[in-house]
Amino acid sequence: MRATLTSKGQVTLPKTLRDQLHLKSGDQLDFQLGADGTTLVVRPANRRATDLIGMAARPGRAPLDLEAIDAAIGQEVAAKQVRSRP
């Protein structure tokens, strides 16, 4: 997906992305620079558990296996370690 940065530094997230993340007007986002220094990671900020209901559904796709879940957790732990470095 691609978006354009305006002269005011603003970006409009594509609708398909907003829909996938269940974002609505006024929601806050966290921005993090990836370990490689060129990847931008954007996450919804301060989500309540009730906001997450249904986000893990994978219609028409097989459920994630334990190895895939473990790999995703490992990636998140590594990303948090990078963010916590001074």
PDB file of N, CA and C in Angstrom:
ATOM      1  N   MET A   1       0.843  -1.171   0.000  1.00  0.00           N
ATOM      2  CA  MET A   1       0.000   0.000   0.000  1.00  0.00           C
ATOM      3  C   MET A   1       0.886   1.231   0.000  1.00  0.00           C
ATOM      4  N   ARG A   2       0.362   2.274  -0.563  1.00  0.00           N
ATOM      5  CA  ARG A   2       1.136   3.500  -0.667  1.00  0.00           C
ATOM      6  C   ARG A   2       0.279   4.681  -0.248  1.00  0.00           C
ATOM      7  N   ALA A   3       0.918   5.642   0.408  1.00  0.00           N
ATOM      8  CA  ALA A   3       0.258   6.883   0.804  1.00  0.00           C
ATOM      9  C   ALA A   3       1.234   8.022   0.528  1.00  0.00           C
ATOM     10  N   THR A   4       0.711   9.238   0.440  1.00  0.00           N
ATOM     11  CA  THR A   4       1.533  10.406   0.146  1.00  0.00           C
ATOM     12  C   THR A   4       1.607  11.314   1.360  1.00  0.00           C
ATOM     13  N   LEU A   5       2.796  11.803   1.645  1.00  0.00           N
ATOM     14  CA  LEU A   5       3.020  12.737   2.741  1.00  0.00           C
ATOM     15  C   LEU A   5       2.702  14.145   2.247  1.00  0.00           C
ATOM     16  N   THR A   6       1.837  14.864   2.967  1.00  0.00           N
ATOM     17  CA  THR A   6       1.480  16.227   2.569  1.00  0.00           C
ATOM     18  C   THR A   6       2.543  17.209   3.049  1.00  0.00           C
ATOM     19  N   SER A   7       2.419  18.460   2.615  1.00  0.00           N
ATOM     20  CA  SER A   7       3.366  19.498   3.039  1.00  0.00           C
ATOM     21  C   SER A   7       3.284  19.753   4.543  1.00  0.00           C
ATOM     22  N   LYS A   8       2.176  19.358   5.171  1.00  0.00           N
ATOM     23  CA  LYS A   8       2.015  19.499   6.622  1.00  0.00           C
ATOM     24  C   LYS A   8       2.505  18.261   7.373  1.00  0.00           C
ATOM     25  N   GLY A   9       3.065  17.289   6.660  1.00  0.00           N
ATOM     26  CA  GLY A   9       3.557  16.074   7.301  1.00  0.00           C
ATOM     27  C   GLY A   9       2.463  15.073   7.618  1.00  0.00           C
ATOM     28  N   GLN A  10       1.321  15.203   6.967  1.00  0.00           N
ATOM     29  CA  GLN A  10       0.193  14.310   7.233  1.00  0.00           C
ATOM     30  C   GLN A  10       0.110  13.211   6.177  1.00  0.00           C
ATOM     31  N   VAL A  11      -0.398  12.060   6.607  1.00  0.00           N
ATOM     32  CA  VAL A  11      -0.591  10.918   5.721  1.00  0.00           C
ATOM     33  C   VAL A  11      -2.008  10.409   5.920  1.00  0.00           C
ATOM     34  N   THR A  12      -2.685  10.098   4.843  1.00  0.00           N
ATOM     35  CA  THR A  12      -3.990   9.448   4.933  1.00  0.00           C
ATOM     36  C   THR A  12      -3.773   7.954   4.736  1.00  0.00           C
ATOM     37  N   LEU A  13      -4.152   7.174   5.743  1.00  0.00           N
ATOM     38  CA  LEU A  13      -4.023   5.723   5.627  1.00  0.00           C
ATOM     39  C   LEU A  13      -5.069   5.206   4.649  1.00  0.00           C
ATOM     40  N   PRO A  14      -4.683   4.294   3.760  1.00  0.00           N
ATOM     41  CA  PRO A  14      -5.656   3.728   2.824  1.00  0.00           C
ATOM     42  C   PRO A  14      -6.827   3.083   3.573  1.00  0.00           C
ATOM     43  N   LYS A  15      -8.014   3.192   2.992  1.00  0.00           N
ATOM     44  CA  LYS A  15      -9.228   2.686   3.632  1.00  0.00           C
ATOM     45  C   LYS A  15      -9.120   1.200   3.958  1.00  0.00           C
ATOM     46  N   THR A  16      -8.542   0.415   3.061  1.00  0.00           N
ATOM     47  CA  THR A  16      -8.433  -1.027   3.333  1.00  0.00           C
ATOM     48  C   THR A  16      -7.615  -1.286   4.597  1.00  0.00           C
ATOM     49  N   LEU A  17      -6.575  -0.491   4.811  1.00  0.00           N
ATOM     50  CA  LEU A  17      -5.758  -0.631   6.013  1.00  0.00           C
ATOM     51  C   LEU A  17      -6.531  -0.190   7.249  1.00  0.00           C
ATOM     52  N   ARG A  18      -7.236   0.939   7.153  1.00  0.00           N
ATOM     53  CA  ARG A  18      -8.049   1.408   8.289  1.00  0.00           C
ATOM     54  C   ARG A  18      -9.099   0.371   8.653  1.00  0.00           C
ATOM     55  N   ASP A  19      -9.702  -0.231   7.646  1.00  0.00           N
ATOM     56  CA  ASP A  19     -10.725  -1.253   7.901  1.00  0.00           C
ATOM     57  C   ASP A  19     -10.118  -2.493   8.557  1.00  0.00           C
ATOM     58  N   GLN A  20      -8.964  -2.940   8.071  1.00  0.00           N
ATOM     59  CA  GLN A  20      -8.313  -4.126   8.636  1.00  0.00           C
ATOM     60  C   GLN A  20      -7.962  -3.921  10.101  1.00  0.00           C
ATOM     61  N   LEU A  21      -7.527  -2.714  10.443  1.00  0.00           N
ATOM     62  CA  LEU A  21      -7.116  -2.418  11.818  1.00  0.00           C
ATOM     63  C   LEU A  21      -8.256  -1.875  12.666  1.00  0.00           C
ATOM     64  N   HIS A  22      -9.437  -1.777  12.077  1.00  0.00           N
ATOM     65  CA  HIS A  22     -10.616  -1.262  12.779  1.00  0.00           C
ATOM     66  C   HIS A  22     -10.353   0.136  13.343  1.00  0.00           C
ATOM     67  N   LEU A  23      -9.711   0.983  12.534  1.00  0.00           N
ATOM     68  CA  LEU A  23      -9.413   2.349  12.955  1.00  0.00           C
ATOM     69  C   LEU A  23     -10.561   3.268  12.589  1.00  0.00           C
ATOM     70  N   LYS A  24     -10.786   4.241  13.454  1.00  0.00           N
ATOM     71  CA  LYS A  24     -11.816   5.236  13.169  1.00  0.00           C
ATOM     72  C   LYS A  24     -11.260   6.613  13.499  1.00  0.00           C
ATOM     73  N   SER A  25     -11.934   7.634  13.065  1.00  0.00           N
ATOM     74  CA  SER A  25     -11.499   9.009  13.285  1.00  0.00           C
ATOM     75  C   SER A  25     -11.230   9.251  14.769  1.00  0.00           C
ATOM     76  N   GLY A  26     -10.104   9.867  15.067  1.00  0.00           N
ATOM     77  CA  GLY A  26      -9.748  10.163  16.450  1.00  0.00           C
ATOM     78  C   GLY A  26      -8.870   9.113  17.107  1.00  0.00           C
ATOM     79  N   ASP A  27      -8.761   7.909  16.515  1.00  0.00           N
ATOM     80  CA  ASP A  27      -7.883   6.882  17.078  1.00  0.00           C
ATOM     81  C   ASP A  27      -6.436   7.363  17.022  1.00  0.00           C
ATOM     82  N   GLN A  28      -5.654   6.974  18.015  1.00  0.00           N
ATOM     83  CA  GLN A  28      -4.246   7.347  18.051  1.00  0.00           C
ATOM     84  C   GLN A  28      -3.388   6.185  17.572  1.00  0.00           C
ATOM     85  N   LEU A  29      -2.248   6.520  16.962  1.00  0.00           N
ATOM     86  CA  LEU A  29      -1.323   5.530  16.439  1.00  0.00           C
ATOM     87  C   LEU A  29       0.047   5.729  17.067  1.00  0.00           C
ATOM     88  N   ASP A  30       0.767   4.626  17.269  1.00  0.00           N
ATOM     89  CA  ASP A  30       2.158   4.671  17.715  1.00  0.00           C
ATOM     90  C   ASP A  30       3.043   4.427  16.498  1.00  0.00           C
ATOM     91  N   PHE A  31       4.114   5.207  16.374  1.00  0.00           N
ATOM     92  CA  PHE A  31       5.070   5.054  15.284  1.00  0.00           C
ATOM     93  C   PHE A  31       6.401   4.620  15.870  1.00  0.00           C
ATOM     94  N   GLN A  32       7.050   3.659  15.211  1.00  0.00           N
ATOM     95  CA  GLN A  32       8.335   3.151  15.675  1.00  0.00           C
ATOM     96  C   GLN A  32       9.212   2.907  14.456  1.00  0.00           C
ATOM     97  N   LEU A  33      10.456   3.346  14.523  1.00  0.00           N
ATOM     98  CA  LEU A  33      11.405   3.075  13.458  1.00  0.00           C
ATOM     99  C   LEU A  33      11.967   1.678  13.669  1.00  0.00           C
ATOM    100  N   GLY A  34      11.951   0.858  12.628  1.00  0.00           N
ATOM    101  CA  GLY A  34      12.429  -0.514  12.725  1.00  0.00           C
ATOM    102  C   GLY A  34      13.924  -0.583  12.962  1.00  0.00           C
ATOM    103  N   ALA A  35      14.409  -1.767  13.304  1.00  0.00           N
ATOM    104  CA  ALA A  35      15.817  -1.983  13.629  1.00  0.00           C
ATOM    105  C   ALA A  35      16.734  -1.632  12.460  1.00  0.00           C
ATOM    106  N   ASP A  36      16.233  -1.771  11.230  1.00  0.00           N
ATOM    107  CA  ASP A  36      17.065  -1.472  10.061  1.00  0.00           C
ATOM    108  C   ASP A  36      17.180   0.028   9.791  1.00  0.00           C
ATOM    109  N   GLY A  37      16.418   0.837  10.516  1.00  0.00           N
ATOM    110  CA  GLY A  37      16.483   2.287  10.360  1.00  0.00           C
ATOM    111  C   GLY A  37      15.708   2.838   9.182  1.00  0.00           C
ATOM    112  N   THR A  38      15.069   1.964   8.397  1.00  0.00           N
ATOM    113  CA  THR A  38      14.302   2.433   7.240  1.00  0.00           C
ATOM    114  C   THR A  38      12.852   1.970   7.257  1.00  0.00           C
ATOM    115  N   THR A  39      12.527   1.030   8.115  1.00  0.00           N
ATOM    116  CA  THR A  39      11.173   0.494   8.185  1.00  0.00           C
ATOM    117  C   THR A  39      10.386   1.239   9.257  1.00  0.00           C
ATOM    118  N   LEU A  40       9.215   1.713   8.893  1.00  0.00           N
ATOM    119  CA  LEU A  40       8.343   2.401   9.840  1.00  0.00           C
ATOM    120  C   LEU A  40       7.255   1.435  10.284  1.00  0.00           C
ATOM    121  N   VAL A  41       7.144   1.232  11.589  1.00  0.00           N
ATOM    122  CA  VAL A  41       6.126   0.354  12.157  1.00  0.00           C
ATOM    123  C   VAL A  41       5.053   1.241  12.775  1.00  0.00           C
ATOM    124  N   VAL A  42       3.816   1.034  12.372  1.00  0.00           N
ATOM    125  CA  VAL A  42       2.695   1.830  12.874  1.00  0.00           C
ATOM    126  C   VAL A  42       1.719   0.882  13.549  1.00  0.00           C
ATOM    127  N   ARG A  43       1.343   1.220  14.791  1.00  0.00           N
ATOM    128  CA  ARG A  43       0.406   0.375  15.547  1.00  0.00           C
ATOM    129  C   ARG A  43      -0.661   1.244  16.174  1.00  0.00           C
ATOM    130  N   PRO A  44      -1.879   0.717  16.276  1.00  0.00           N
ATOM    131  CA  PRO A  44      -2.905   1.438  17.043  1.00  0.00           C
ATOM    132  C   PRO A  44      -2.443   1.569  18.491  1.00  0.00           C
ATOM    133  N   ALA A  45      -2.686   2.711  19.099  1.00  0.00           N
ATOM    134  CA  ALA A  45      -2.264   2.963  20.478  1.00  0.00           C
ATOM    135  C   ALA A  45      -3.421   2.746  21.439  1.00  0.00           C
ATOM    136  N   ASN A  46      -3.094   2.266  22.633  1.00  0.00           N
ATOM    137  CA  ASN A  46      -4.064   2.181  23.733  1.00  0.00           C
ATOM    138  C   ASN A  46      -5.367   1.487  23.355  1.00  0.00           C
ATOM    139  N   ARG A  47      -5.255   0.309  22.812  1.00  0.00           N
ATOM    140  CA  ARG A  47      -6.454  -0.450  22.477  1.00  0.00           C
ATOM    141  C   ARG A  47      -7.020  -1.119  23.714  1.00  0.00           C
ATOM    142  N   ARG A  48      -8.346  -1.113  23.839  1.00  0.00           N
ATOM    143  CA  ARG A  48      -9.011  -1.877  24.900  1.00  0.00           C
ATOM    144  C   ARG A  48      -9.232  -3.293  24.381  1.00  0.00           C
ATOM    145  N   ALA A  49      -9.321  -4.242  25.284  1.00  0.00           N
ATOM    146  CA  ALA A  49      -9.527  -5.637  24.888  1.00  0.00           C
ATOM    147  C   ALA A  49     -10.791  -5.783  24.050  1.00  0.00           C
ATOM    148  N   THR A  50     -11.830  -5.028  24.379  1.00  0.00           N
ATOM    149  CA  THR A  50     -13.083  -5.141  23.621  1.00  0.00           C
ATOM    150  C   THR A  50     -12.925  -4.623  22.195  1.00  0.00           C
ATOM    151  N   ASP A  51     -11.945  -3.744  21.953  1.00  0.00           N
ATOM    152  CA  ASP A  51     -11.701  -3.250  20.598  1.00  0.00           C
ATOM    153  C   ASP A  51     -11.096  -4.333  19.710  1.00  0.00           C
ATOM    154  N   LEU A  52     -10.489  -5.344  20.329  1.00  0.00           N
ATOM    155  CA  LEU A  52      -9.760  -6.357  19.577  1.00  0.00           C
ATOM    156  C   LEU A  52     -10.614  -7.552  19.173  1.00  0.00           C
ATOM    157  N   ILE A  53     -11.830  -7.615  19.675  1.00  0.00           N
ATOM    158  CA  ILE A  53     -12.702  -8.750  19.367  1.00  0.00           C
ATOM    159  C   ILE A  53     -12.907  -8.843  17.858  1.00  0.00           C
ATOM    160  N   GLY A  54     -12.652 -10.003  17.318  1.00  0.00           N
ATOM    161  CA  GLY A  54     -12.861 -10.247  15.897  1.00  0.00           C
ATOM    162  C   GLY A  54     -11.664  -9.925  15.024  1.00  0.00           C
ATOM    163  N   MET A  55     -10.649  -9.254  15.548  1.00  0.00           N
ATOM    164  CA  MET A  55      -9.505  -8.900  14.720  1.00  0.00           C
ATOM    165  C   MET A  55      -8.663 -10.115  14.353  1.00  0.00           C
ATOM    166  N   ALA A  56      -8.713 -11.170  15.151  1.00  0.00           N
ATOM    167  CA  ALA A  56      -7.900 -12.351  14.877  1.00  0.00           C
ATOM    168  C   ALA A  56      -8.597 -13.331  13.942  1.00  0.00           C
ATOM    169  N   ALA A  57      -9.816 -13.045  13.579  1.00  0.00           N
ATOM    170  CA  ALA A  57     -10.546 -13.942  12.685  1.00  0.00           C
ATOM    171  C   ALA A  57      -9.824 -14.027  11.347  1.00  0.00           C
ATOM    172  N   ARG A  58      -9.788 -15.206  10.794  1.00  0.00           N
ATOM    173  CA  ARG A  58      -9.112 -15.424   9.522  1.00  0.00           C
ATOM    174  C   ARG A  58     -10.060 -16.174   8.588  1.00  0.00           C
ATOM    175  N   PRO A  59     -11.126 -15.520   8.132  1.00  0.00           N
ATOM    176  CA  PRO A  59     -12.109 -16.199   7.291  1.00  0.00           C
ATOM    177  C   PRO A  59     -11.464 -16.840   6.062  1.00  0.00           C
ATOM    178  N   GLY A  60     -11.784 -18.102   5.842  1.00  0.00           N
ATOM    179  CA  GLY A  60     -11.287 -18.814   4.676  1.00  0.00           C
ATOM    180  C   GLY A  60      -9.835 -19.252   4.780  1.00  0.00           C
ATOM    181  N   ARG A  61      -9.203 -19.017   5.917  1.00  0.00           N
ATOM    182  CA  ARG A  61      -7.804 -19.403   6.089  1.00  0.00           C
ATOM    183  C   ARG A  61      -7.675 -20.298   7.307  1.00  0.00           C
ATOM    184  N   ALA A  62      -6.688 -21.173   7.252  1.00  0.00           N
ATOM    185  CA  ALA A  62      -6.461 -22.099   8.364  1.00  0.00           C
ATOM    186  C   ALA A  62      -6.011 -21.325   9.597  1.00  0.00           C
ATOM    187  N   PRO A  63      -6.347 -21.818  10.780  1.00  0.00           N
ATOM    188  CA  PRO A  63      -5.881 -21.157  11.998  1.00  0.00           C
ATOM    189  C   PRO A  63      -4.354 -21.195  12.075  1.00  0.00           C
ATOM    190  N   LEU A  64      -3.777 -20.215  12.749  1.00  0.00           N
ATOM    191  CA  LEU A  64      -2.326 -20.193  12.924  1.00  0.00           C
ATOM    192  C   LEU A  64      -1.891 -21.372  13.783  1.00  0.00           C
ATOM    193  N   ASP A  65      -0.745 -21.948  13.427  1.00  0.00           N
ATOM    194  CA  ASP A  65      -0.223 -23.025  14.259  1.00  0.00           C
ATOM    195  C   ASP A  65       0.658 -22.438  15.358  1.00  0.00           C
ATOM    196  N   LEU A  66       1.026 -23.266  16.305  1.00  0.00           N
ATOM    197  CA  LEU A  66       1.796 -22.814  17.461  1.00  0.00           C
ATOM    198  C   LEU A  66       3.135 -22.208  17.053  1.00  0.00           C
ATOM    199  N   GLU A  67       3.784 -22.771  16.030  1.00  0.00           N
ATOM    200  CA  GLU A  67       5.070 -22.232  15.579  1.00  0.00           C
ATOM    201  C   GLU A  67       4.912 -20.813  15.044  1.00  0.00           C
ATOM    202  N   ALA A  68       3.852 -20.552  14.294  1.00  0.00           N
ATOM    203  CA  ALA A  68       3.614 -19.206  13.762  1.00  0.00           C
ATOM    204  C   ALA A  68       3.345 -18.217  14.888  1.00  0.00           C
ATOM    205  N   ILE A  69       2.602 -18.655  15.884  1.00  0.00           N
ATOM    206  CA  ILE A  69       2.315 -17.788  17.033  1.00  0.00           C
ATOM    207  C   ILE A  69       3.599 -17.496  17.797  1.00  0.00           C
ATOM    208  N   ASP A  70       4.419 -18.536  18.035  1.00  0.00           N
ATOM    209  CA  ASP A  70       5.696 -18.350  18.728  1.00  0.00           C
ATOM    210  C   ASP A  70       6.614 -17.402  17.955  1.00  0.00           C
ATOM    211  N   ALA A  71       6.643 -17.532  16.634  1.00  0.00           N
ATOM    212  CA  ALA A  71       7.486 -16.656  15.815  1.00  0.00           C
ATOM    213  C   ALA A  71       7.030 -15.204  15.927  1.00  0.00           C
ATOM    214  N   ALA A  72       5.723 -14.982  15.900  1.00  0.00           N
ATOM    215  CA  ALA A  72       5.190 -13.623  16.022  1.00  0.00           C
ATOM    216  C   ALA A  72       5.527 -13.025  17.384  1.00  0.00           C
ATOM    217  N   ILE A  73       5.415 -13.826  18.420  1.00  0.00           N
ATOM    218  CA  ILE A  73       5.764 -13.348  19.767  1.00  0.00           C
ATOM    219  C   ILE A  73       7.253 -13.007  19.822  1.00  0.00           C
ATOM    220  N   GLY A  74       8.087 -13.861  19.256  1.00  0.00           N
ATOM    221  CA  GLY A  74       9.527 -13.607  19.240  1.00  0.00           C
ATOM    222  C   GLY A  74       9.877 -12.317  18.517  1.00  0.00           C
ATOM    223  N   GLN A  75       9.202 -12.045  17.405  1.00  0.00           N
ATOM    224  CA  GLN A  75       9.445 -10.807  16.666  1.00  0.00           C
ATOM    225  C   GLN A  75       9.065  -9.594  17.500  1.00  0.00           C
ATOM    226  N   GLU A  76       7.957  -9.669  18.199  1.00  0.00           N
ATOM    227  CA  GLU A  76       7.516  -8.544  19.024  1.00  0.00           C
ATOM    228  C   GLU A  76       8.471  -8.314  20.193  1.00  0.00           C
ATOM    229  N   VAL A  77       8.932  -9.386  20.816  1.00  0.00           N
ATOM    230  CA  VAL A  77       9.892  -9.251  21.920  1.00  0.00           C
ATOM    231  C   VAL A  77      11.173  -8.595  21.407  1.00  0.00           C
ATOM    232  N   ALA A  78      11.666  -9.035  20.249  1.00  0.00           N
ATOM    233  CA  ALA A  78      12.880  -8.446  19.677  1.00  0.00           C
ATOM    234  C   ALA A  78      12.672  -6.970  19.362  1.00  0.00           C
ATOM    235  N   ALA A  79      11.514  -6.620  18.820  1.00  0.00           N
ATOM    236  CA  ALA A  79      11.220  -5.218  18.501  1.00  0.00           C
ATOM    237  C   ALA A  79      11.182  -4.369  19.769  1.00  0.00           C
ATOM    238  N   LYS A  80      10.612  -4.905  20.842  1.00  0.00           N
ATOM    239  CA  LYS A  80      10.562  -4.158  22.104  1.00  0.00           C
ATOM    240  C   LYS A  80      11.959  -3.966  22.679  1.00  0.00           C
ATOM    241  N   GLN A  81      12.823  -4.962  22.519  1.00  0.00           N
ATOM    242  CA  GLN A  81      14.196  -4.824  23.008  1.00  0.00           C
ATOM    243  C   GLN A  81      14.923  -3.725  22.250  1.00  0.00           C
ATOM    244  N   VAL A  82      14.709  -3.651  20.944  1.00  0.00           N
ATOM    245  CA  VAL A  82      15.332  -2.602  20.135  1.00  0.00           C
ATOM    246  C   VAL A  82      14.822  -1.237  20.574  1.00  0.00           C
ATOM    247  N   ARG A  83      13.517  -1.121  20.825  1.00  0.00           N
ATOM    248  CA  ARG A  83      12.931   0.160  21.235  1.00  0.00           C
ATOM    249  C   ARG A  83      13.415   0.600  22.607  1.00  0.00           C
ATOM    250  N   SER A  84      13.766  -0.350  23.469  1.00  0.00           N
ATOM    251  CA  SER A  84      14.143   0.003  24.837  1.00  0.00           C
ATOM    252  C   SER A  84      15.616   0.384  24.964  1.00  0.00           C
ATOM    253  N   ARG A  85      16.387   0.220  23.900  1.00  0.00           N
ATOM    254  CA  ARG A  85      17.809   0.583  23.952  1.00  0.00           C
ATOM    255  C   ARG A  85      17.955   2.101  23.905  1.00  0.00           C
ATOM    256  N   PRO A  86      18.914   2.626  24.679  1.00  0.00           N
ATOM    257  CA  PRO A  86      19.117   4.089  24.681  1.00  0.00           C
ATOM    258  C   PRO A  86      19.711   4.601  23.394  1.00  0.00           C
TER     259      PRO A  86
END
